């Protein structure tokens, strides 16, 4: 078993600027959507991280030709295999997003049940019920989903919850369906707007992305295009957290501040001094923050992906904070590791009660998932002594050049793989 650890010596002030990569949670969806095109697709400046490399392997296994050109990814999406293999799909939940495009364009798909981070139940029922509403037959076959349709037909779909994945899968599928599709109670995340913009550049007819009602008028074919994905709002939030924990001044560049509007509002409520410009956010040195209450909700609410990061920030804040996790039922795995570092956290169902402390201490800890792992590294930047984060491979699923970026701004951090 490969050992992957990060060593952090805390107490270093951060300074300078950090450039945020394009959004992993957008790029993966754009790559899946490229299967709908008849011609070459070019995705500019994707982060070449573990999950993106997995999606490359998945698309290649379906027959697509993929190459890197300059700082981009060229995809020739001619497909000759319609089965997404378990070995690849089980490693990354976003793999399920090839289901809609394959059925819409080729009339059939066989996709293994997806895997990914162990942060609670993330059912795909809404994806499948939506495809059925569009006229596909859907069956289970030895751990695989098998979907078929001669041609999908537009339909009215009301999602019981604003599922991001279901919205994306159905949005893609509906682009080549016959007639009009309406997705009601759709997710509103910026990554969905980015996906719709990408598809519209390919010739799709989508209106309403970013609202709770999306209308799609089906077309017969989609062409290739070139697209620069949006910046990664979760990575931006991670580096904001690093600045706040270390009491540092830091310029976060390549950001769309509107995508973090509610997060910034909550952090300012805690006493953070943030200067928002057109494409950047400057975090100013701040006295000790004060405790606040945070509840995760679908966009434009507080994102569940930043919940572990804000927990690390609030461990150092004065007073009591309460975090309520409304999205996933197993997303406090990082809390026990923070407690090992000296944090005072009580978990009561979907609530985490955090009693702020003046210090955390470096100890051996373990990353359990992507964002939780990142939150531990960020907490370690403000801890006294050396922290060793085991199973750090989780973190590199979602962050490009994470260690290098931390070093550039002054962090004492090293990765060891053996």
Protein backbone atom coordinates (compact mmCIF):
# COMPACT_ATOMS: atom_id res chain seq x y z
CA UNK A 1 0.00 0.00 0.00
CA UNK A 2 1.45 3.36 -1.05
CA UNK A 3 2.08 5.78 1.80
CA UNK A 4 1.05 9.37 1.06
CA UNK A 5 1.56 11.89 3.85
CA UNK A 6 1.77 15.65 4.25
CA UNK A 7 4.00 17.17 6.92
CA UNK A 8 3.07 20.64 8.14
CA UNK A 9 5.01 22.79 10.59
CA UNK A 10 2.54 25.38 11.81
CA UNK A 11 2.90 28.95 12.97
CA UNK A 12 4.21 30.43 9.73
CA UNK A 13 2.65 33.64 8.46
CA UNK A 14 1.42 33.44 4.86
CA UNK A 15 1.95 36.29 2.42
CA UNK A 16 1.76 37.14 -1.25
CA UNK A 17 -0.81 35.82 -3.67
CA UNK A 18 -2.21 32.52 -4.88
CA UNK A 19 -3.73 31.79 -8.29
CA UNK A 20 -6.87 29.66 -8.17
CA UNK A 21 -7.25 26.87 -10.75
CA UNK A 22 -10.30 26.31 -12.94
CA UNK A 23 -13.10 24.42 -11.17
CA UNK A 24 -12.70 20.68 -10.86
CA UNK A 25 -16.45 20.39 -10.26
CA UNK A 26 -17.07 22.10 -13.59
CA UNK A 27 -14.36 20.48 -15.70
CA UNK A 28 -15.54 16.94 -14.94
CA UNK A 29 -19.07 17.79 -16.16
CA UNK A 30 -17.76 19.52 -19.30
CA UNK A 31 -15.71 16.43 -20.12
CA UNK A 32 -18.79 14.21 -19.80
CA UNK A 33 -20.81 16.69 -21.91
CA UNK A 34 -18.21 16.52 -24.68
CA UNK A 35 -19.62 13.07 -25.52
CA UNK A 36 -22.65 14.86 -26.98
CA UNK A 37 -20.60 16.66 -29.65
CA UNK A 38 -20.05 15.52 -33.22
CA UNK A 39 -16.74 17.36 -33.44
CA UNK A 40 -13.63 18.14 -31.42
CA UNK A 41 -14.01 19.84 -28.03
CA UNK A 42 -11.26 21.88 -26.37
CA UNK A 43 -11.32 22.59 -22.62
CA UNK A 44 -8.91 25.34 -21.61
CA UNK A 45 -6.73 25.18 -18.49
CA UNK A 46 -8.26 22.16 -16.75
CA UNK A 47 -6.64 21.22 -13.43
CA UNK A 48 -4.67 18.02 -14.09
CA UNK A 49 -5.65 16.37 -10.83
CA UNK A 50 -6.52 12.80 -9.93
CA UNK A 51 -10.24 13.07 -10.69
CA UNK A 52 -9.68 14.75 -14.06
CA UNK A 53 -7.16 12.05 -14.99
CA UNK A 54 -9.74 9.42 -14.01
CA UNK A 55 -12.32 11.06 -16.27
CA UNK A 56 -9.77 11.08 -19.09
CA UNK A 57 -9.29 7.33 -18.64
CA UNK A 58 -13.05 6.79 -18.53
CA UNK A 59 -13.68 8.72 -21.77
CA UNK A 60 -10.78 6.90 -23.44
CA UNK A 61 -12.28 3.57 -22.39
CA UNK A 62 -15.47 4.59 -24.23
CA UNK A 63 -13.46 5.24 -27.39
CA UNK A 64 -12.83 8.98 -27.18
CA UNK A 65 -9.42 10.32 -28.24
CA UNK A 66 -7.95 12.73 -25.71
CA UNK A 67 -4.70 14.68 -25.81
CA UNK A 68 -3.17 17.66 -24.04
CA UNK A 69 -2.36 20.65 -26.21
CA UNK A 70 -0.66 23.61 -24.60
CA UNK A 71 -2.53 24.20 -21.36
CA UNK A 72 -5.74 22.55 -22.56
CA UNK A 73 -7.45 19.25 -23.22
CA UNK A 74 -8.53 18.22 -26.71
CA UNK A 75 -11.34 15.66 -26.84
CA UNK A 76 -12.44 13.89 -30.03
CA UNK A 77 -15.62 12.28 -28.73
CA UNK A 78 -16.24 9.45 -31.18
CA UNK A 79 -17.48 6.58 -28.99
CA UNK A 80 -17.43 2.86 -29.85
CA UNK A 81 -18.00 1.40 -26.39
CA UNK A 82 -21.03 2.16 -24.25
CA UNK A 83 -20.00 0.48 -21.00
CA UNK A 84 -18.39 2.52 -18.23
CA UNK A 85 -16.35 -0.05 -16.35
CA UNK A 86 -16.59 -0.63 -12.60
CA UNK A 87 -12.82 -0.23 -12.08
CA UNK A 88 -13.00 3.42 -13.14
CA UNK A 89 -16.51 4.40 -12.09
CA UNK A 90 -16.14 3.04 -8.55
CA UNK A 91 -13.33 5.53 -7.88
CA UNK A 92 -15.22 8.72 -8.74
CA UNK A 93 -18.85 9.68 -8.35
CA UNK A 94 -18.81 12.12 -11.29
CA UNK A 95 -18.49 9.10 -13.60
CA UNK A 96 -22.28 8.70 -13.45
CA UNK A 97 -22.49 11.83 -15.62
CA UNK A 98 -21.61 9.91 -18.78
CA UNK A 99 -24.98 8.14 -18.46
CA UNK A 100 -27.18 10.95 -19.81
CA UNK A 101 -24.93 11.88 -22.76
CA UNK A 102 -24.48 8.25 -23.88
CA UNK A 103 -28.20 7.51 -23.83
CA UNK A 104 -29.07 10.81 -25.51
CA UNK A 105 -26.59 10.46 -28.36
CA UNK A 106 -26.13 6.72 -28.83
CA UNK A 107 -29.35 5.30 -27.43
CA UNK A 108 -27.69 3.07 -24.87
CA UNK A 109 -25.38 3.05 -21.86
CA UNK A 110 -24.16 0.61 -19.25
CA UNK A 111 -22.61 2.37 -16.27
CA UNK A 112 -21.37 0.83 -13.03
CA UNK A 113 -22.78 2.21 -9.80
CA UNK A 114 -20.48 5.14 -8.82
CA UNK A 115 -18.06 5.53 -5.93
CA UNK A 116 -16.10 8.52 -4.57
CA UNK A 117 -15.75 10.13 -1.15
CA UNK A 118 -17.39 8.36 1.79
CA UNK A 119 -19.40 11.34 3.03
CA UNK A 120 -22.86 9.83 3.21
CA UNK A 121 -25.66 8.59 0.99
CA UNK A 122 -25.71 10.17 -2.45
CA UNK A 123 -28.42 8.27 -4.26
CA UNK A 124 -28.73 8.33 -8.03
CA UNK A 125 -32.47 7.61 -8.07
CA UNK A 126 -33.21 11.14 -9.29
CA UNK A 127 -30.92 10.68 -12.29
CA UNK A 128 -32.68 7.44 -13.23
CA UNK A 129 -36.24 8.66 -12.65
CA UNK A 130 -35.48 11.69 -14.78
CA UNK A 131 -34.14 9.56 -17.63
CA UNK A 132 -37.29 7.42 -17.41
CA UNK A 133 -39.37 10.61 -17.70
CA UNK A 134 -37.43 11.37 -20.89
CA UNK A 135 -38.44 7.99 -22.27
CA UNK A 136 -35.46 5.78 -21.45
CA UNK A 137 -35.80 2.26 -20.10
CA UNK A 138 -33.61 1.78 -17.03
CA UNK A 139 -32.63 -1.56 -15.46
CA UNK A 140 -30.08 -2.85 -12.98
CA UNK A 141 -27.77 -5.63 -14.09
CA UNK A 142 -25.12 -7.06 -11.74
CA UNK A 143 -24.00 -3.74 -10.26
CA UNK A 144 -24.54 -1.80 -13.47
CA UNK A 145 -27.23 0.62 -14.66
CA UNK A 146 -28.41 -0.21 -18.16
CA UNK A 147 -30.34 2.53 -19.96
CA UNK A 148 -31.75 2.48 -23.49
CA UNK A 149 -33.83 4.74 -25.73
CA UNK A 150 -34.41 5.10 -29.47
CA UNK A 151 -34.57 8.87 -28.98
CA UNK A 152 -35.31 10.66 -25.75
CA UNK A 153 -38.43 12.82 -25.69
CA UNK A 154 -38.82 16.13 -23.88
CA UNK A 155 -40.70 16.03 -20.60
CA UNK A 156 -41.59 17.98 -17.47
CA UNK A 157 -39.33 16.89 -14.59
CA UNK A 158 -39.78 18.10 -11.03
CA UNK A 159 -36.85 17.20 -8.80
CA UNK A 160 -37.89 16.57 -5.17
CA UNK A 161 -34.57 18.08 -4.07
CA UNK A 162 -32.26 20.34 -6.12
CA UNK A 163 -29.70 17.61 -6.83
CA UNK A 164 -26.63 18.95 -8.63
CA UNK A 165 -25.74 15.65 -10.30
CA UNK A 166 -29.30 14.90 -11.42
CA UNK A 167 -29.74 18.42 -12.79
CA UNK A 168 -26.52 18.06 -14.79
CA UNK A 169 -27.23 14.57 -16.12
CA UNK A 170 -30.77 15.46 -17.19
CA UNK A 171 -29.71 18.82 -18.62
CA UNK A 172 -27.19 17.05 -20.86
CA UNK A 173 -29.61 14.30 -21.87
CA UNK A 174 -32.39 16.76 -22.72
CA UNK A 175 -30.18 18.66 -25.19
CA UNK A 176 -30.64 15.91 -27.81
CA UNK A 177 -34.17 14.91 -26.81
CA UNK A 178 -37.07 15.53 -29.14
CA UNK A 179 -39.10 18.55 -28.01
CA UNK A 180 -39.00 20.66 -24.88
CA UNK A 181 -37.85 19.62 -21.41
CA UNK A 182 -38.47 21.57 -18.23
CA UNK A 183 -36.46 20.80 -15.08
CA UNK A 184 -38.21 22.28 -12.07
CA UNK A 185 -36.50 22.70 -8.68
CA UNK A 186 -33.19 22.47 -10.53
CA UNK A 187 -29.89 23.01 -8.71
CA UNK A 188 -28.54 26.54 -9.19
CA UNK A 189 -24.79 26.09 -8.68
CA UNK A 190 -22.35 28.16 -10.79
CA UNK A 191 -21.00 24.90 -12.24
CA UNK A 192 -24.44 24.22 -13.75
CA UNK A 193 -24.45 27.66 -15.36
CA UNK A 194 -20.98 26.92 -16.74
CA UNK A 195 -22.21 23.58 -18.14
CA UNK A 196 -25.21 25.26 -19.79
CA UNK A 197 -22.99 27.95 -21.32
CA UNK A 198 -20.70 25.24 -22.69
CA UNK A 199 -23.63 23.28 -24.16
CA UNK A 200 -25.15 26.44 -25.68
CA UNK A 201 -21.82 27.14 -27.40
CA UNK A 202 -22.15 23.61 -28.85
CA UNK A 203 -25.56 24.52 -30.27
CA UNK A 204 -27.90 23.52 -27.43
CA UNK A 205 -30.93 25.68 -26.59
CA UNK A 206 -30.96 26.07 -22.81
CA UNK A 207 -32.59 28.87 -20.85
CA UNK A 208 -32.81 29.47 -17.12
CA UNK A 209 -29.61 27.82 -15.86
CA UNK A 210 -28.80 29.35 -12.48
CA UNK A 211 -32.49 29.53 -11.59
CA UNK A 212 -34.71 26.79 -10.21
CA UNK A 213 -36.43 26.31 -13.58
CA UNK A 214 -34.39 25.27 -16.62
CA UNK A 215 -35.95 24.93 -20.07
CA UNK A 216 -34.24 22.93 -22.81
CA UNK A 217 -35.42 22.81 -26.41
CA UNK A 218 -33.94 19.65 -27.92
CA UNK A 219 -31.78 19.79 -31.06
CA UNK A 220 -30.69 17.04 -33.45
CA UNK A 221 -26.94 17.46 -33.02
CA UNK A 222 -24.27 19.41 -31.20
CA UNK A 223 -20.98 20.71 -32.57
CA UNK A 224 -17.56 21.00 -30.99
CA UNK A 225 -16.42 24.12 -29.17
CA UNK A 226 -13.69 25.63 -27.01
CA UNK A 227 -14.39 26.71 -23.44
CA UNK A 228 -12.60 28.13 -20.41
CA UNK A 229 -14.23 26.73 -17.24
CA UNK A 230 -15.05 28.94 -14.27
CA UNK A 231 -12.54 29.30 -11.39
CA UNK A 232 -12.77 26.89 -8.48
CA UNK A 233 -14.79 28.56 -5.71
CA UNK A 234 -14.00 25.73 -3.26
CA UNK A 235 -10.25 26.09 -3.75
CA UNK A 236 -10.65 29.84 -3.28
CA UNK A 237 -12.52 29.23 -0.03
CA UNK A 238 -9.76 26.88 1.10
CA UNK A 239 -7.05 29.52 0.74
CA UNK A 240 -9.25 32.16 2.40
CA UNK A 241 -9.51 29.75 5.34
CA UNK A 242 -5.71 29.33 5.37
CA UNK A 243 -5.22 33.11 5.60
CA UNK A 244 -7.77 33.46 8.40
CA UNK A 245 -6.33 30.62 10.48
CA UNK A 246 -2.78 31.99 10.23
CA UNK A 247 -3.82 35.64 10.67
CA UNK A 248 -2.20 36.47 7.35
CA UNK A 249 -2.74 38.94 4.52
CA UNK A 250 -3.24 37.06 1.26
CA UNK A 251 -4.47 37.92 -2.24
CA UNK A 252 -6.62 35.20 -3.82
CA UNK A 253 -6.55 35.65 -7.62
CA UNK A 254 -8.70 34.21 -10.43
CA UNK A 255 -11.94 34.22 -8.43
CA UNK A 256 -15.55 35.04 -9.23
CA UNK A 257 -16.48 36.69 -5.89
CA UNK A 258 -20.24 36.39 -6.57
CA UNK A 259 -19.86 32.60 -6.42
CA UNK A 260 -18.75 32.95 -2.79
CA UNK A 261 -21.11 35.76 -1.79
CA UNK A 262 -22.79 33.96 1.10
CA UNK A 263 -19.52 32.44 2.35
CA UNK A 264 -17.89 35.87 2.43
CA UNK A 265 -20.89 37.30 4.27
CA UNK A 266 -20.63 34.63 6.99
CA UNK A 267 -16.87 35.06 7.37
CA UNK A 268 -17.29 38.83 7.72
CA UNK A 269 -19.90 38.12 10.40
CA UNK A 270 -17.12 36.26 12.25
CA UNK A 271 -14.87 39.32 11.94
CA UNK A 272 -12.90 38.58 8.79
CA UNK A 273 -11.65 41.60 6.83
CA UNK A 274 -12.16 40.86 3.16
CA UNK A 275 -11.63 43.21 0.23
CA UNK A 276 -13.51 42.08 -2.88
CA UNK A 277 -12.37 43.17 -6.33
CA UNK A 278 -13.52 42.11 -9.80
CA UNK A 279 -11.50 38.88 -10.05
CA UNK A 280 -9.83 38.64 -6.66
CA UNK A 281 -10.35 38.65 -2.91
CA UNK A 282 -7.81 40.10 -0.51
CA UNK A 283 -7.84 38.71 3.02
CA UNK A 284 -6.45 41.27 5.47
CA UNK A 285 -4.84 40.46 8.77
CA UNK A 286 -7.56 39.90 11.28
CA UNK A 287 -7.68 39.76 15.06
CA UNK A 288 -9.07 36.56 16.53
CA UNK A 289 -12.40 35.71 14.91
CA UNK A 290 -15.60 35.22 16.90
CA UNK A 291 -17.87 32.20 16.82
CA UNK A 292 -20.79 32.08 14.37
CA UNK A 293 -23.50 29.65 13.32
CA UNK A 294 -23.26 28.11 9.84
CA UNK A 295 -25.75 25.85 8.07
CA UNK A 296 -25.06 24.19 4.72
CA UNK A 297 -27.67 24.50 1.98
CA UNK A 298 -27.79 24.16 -1.80
CA UNK A 299 -26.46 27.16 -3.72
CA UNK A 300 -26.72 30.09 -3.13
CA UNK A 301 -26.47 28.89 0.48
CA UNK A 302 -23.29 27.87 2.30
CA UNK A 303 -21.65 25.04 0.30
CA UNK A 304 -21.20 21.68 1.98
CA UNK A 305 -17.75 21.39 0.36
CA UNK A 306 -16.56 24.34 2.46
CA UNK A 307 -18.09 23.11 5.70
CA UNK A 308 -14.92 21.23 6.80
CA UNK A 309 -12.78 24.29 6.02
CA UNK A 310 -14.93 26.68 8.02
CA UNK A 311 -14.91 24.17 10.89
CA UNK A 312 -11.11 24.43 11.00
CA UNK A 313 -11.38 28.24 11.00
CA UNK A 314 -13.95 28.24 13.83
CA UNK A 315 -11.80 25.95 15.99
CA UNK A 316 -9.55 29.01 16.51
CA UNK A 317 -12.42 31.50 16.97
CA UNK A 318 -13.48 32.98 20.29
CA UNK A 319 -16.69 31.61 21.76
CA UNK A 320 -19.07 28.92 20.57
CA UNK A 321 -19.97 28.10 16.96
CA UNK A 322 -22.57 25.69 15.63
CA UNK A 323 -22.30 24.08 12.21
CA UNK A 324 -25.39 22.33 10.82
CA UNK A 325 -24.77 19.94 7.92
CA UNK A 326 -27.97 19.70 5.90
CA UNK A 327 -26.61 18.07 2.72
CA UNK A 328 -24.71 14.91 3.67
CA UNK A 329 -25.18 12.63 6.65
CA UNK A 330 -21.55 11.61 7.19
CA UNK A 331 -19.57 14.79 6.71
CA UNK A 332 -18.06 15.33 10.14
CA UNK A 333 -15.35 12.66 9.80
CA UNK A 334 -12.66 15.34 10.07
CA UNK A 335 -13.96 16.51 13.46
CA UNK A 336 -12.38 13.62 15.40
CA UNK A 337 -9.01 14.43 13.85
CA UNK A 338 -9.35 18.10 14.81
CA UNK A 339 -10.14 16.97 18.36
CA UNK A 340 -6.87 14.99 18.34
CA UNK A 341 -5.18 18.32 17.62
CA UNK A 342 -6.80 19.92 20.67
CA UNK A 343 -10.07 21.25 19.24
CA UNK A 344 -13.22 21.08 21.36
CA UNK A 345 -16.01 19.76 19.14
CA UNK A 346 -19.19 17.91 20.06
CA UNK A 347 -21.18 16.13 17.36
CA UNK A 348 -24.92 15.84 17.88
CA UNK A 349 -26.59 14.38 14.81
CA UNK A 350 -26.26 16.90 12.00
CA UNK A 351 -24.91 19.58 14.34
CA UNK A 352 -21.30 20.23 15.36
CA UNK A 353 -20.83 22.45 18.40
CA UNK A 354 -17.38 24.04 18.41
CA UNK A 355 -15.87 25.66 21.49
CA UNK A 356 -13.06 27.87 20.25
CA UNK A 357 -9.57 27.30 21.63
CA UNK A 358 -6.49 29.50 21.55
CA UNK A 359 -4.20 26.77 20.18
CA UNK A 360 -4.15 23.54 18.24
CA UNK A 361 -1.17 21.19 18.39
CA UNK A 362 0.63 19.18 15.76
CA UNK A 363 -0.10 15.44 16.00
CA UNK A 364 -0.44 12.52 13.57
CA UNK A 365 -3.90 12.64 11.94
CA UNK A 366 -5.64 11.01 9.00
CA UNK A 367 -7.48 12.44 5.98
CA UNK A 368 -10.80 10.62 5.51
CA UNK A 369 -12.00 12.39 2.37
CA UNK A 370 -11.12 15.21 -0.03
CA UNK A 371 -12.42 18.36 1.69
CA UNK A 372 -12.00 16.99 5.20
CA UNK A 373 -8.38 16.22 4.38
CA UNK A 374 -7.79 19.74 3.08
CA UNK A 375 -9.35 21.16 6.24
CA UNK A 376 -6.82 19.27 8.37
CA UNK A 377 -3.87 20.63 6.40
CA UNK A 378 -5.27 24.15 6.72
CA UNK A 379 -5.81 23.68 10.48
CA UNK A 380 -2.23 22.41 10.79
CA UNK A 381 -0.95 25.71 9.34
CA UNK A 382 -2.15 27.39 12.51
CA UNK A 383 -1.15 24.61 14.91
CA UNK A 384 1.88 24.56 17.19
CA UNK A 385 4.55 22.08 16.08
CA UNK A 386 4.52 19.45 13.34
CA UNK A 387 1.37 17.79 12.06
CA UNK A 388 1.55 14.63 9.93
CA UNK A 389 -1.52 14.05 7.74
CA UNK A 390 -1.79 10.43 6.61
CA UNK A 391 -3.79 9.20 3.57
CA UNK A 392 -3.22 12.55 1.93
CA UNK A 393 -4.03 11.11 -1.52
CA UNK A 394 -7.68 12.10 -0.92
CA UNK A 395 -6.70 15.77 -1.08
CA UNK A 396 -5.06 15.54 -4.49
CA UNK A 397 -8.31 14.34 -6.05
CA UNK A 398 -9.49 17.93 -5.95
CA UNK A 399 -6.58 20.38 -5.61
CA UNK A 400 -4.03 21.20 -8.31
CA UNK A 401 -0.46 21.90 -7.11
CA UNK A 402 -1.77 22.20 -3.56
CA UNK A 403 1.60 21.80 -1.82
CA UNK A 404 3.39 24.04 -4.32
CA UNK A 405 0.81 26.82 -3.89
CA UNK A 406 1.08 26.64 -0.10
CA UNK A 407 4.88 26.82 -0.27
CA UNK A 408 4.81 29.88 -2.53
CA UNK A 409 2.83 31.82 0.09
CA UNK A 410 5.17 30.77 2.91
CA UNK A 411 3.78 27.57 4.39
CA UNK A 412 6.22 25.00 5.80
CA UNK A 413 4.69 21.94 4.16
CA UNK A 414 6.01 18.83 2.40
CA UNK A 415 4.42 15.82 0.70
CA UNK A 416 6.01 12.38 1.01
CA UNK A 417 4.95 9.47 -1.17
CA UNK A 418 6.54 6.06 -0.79
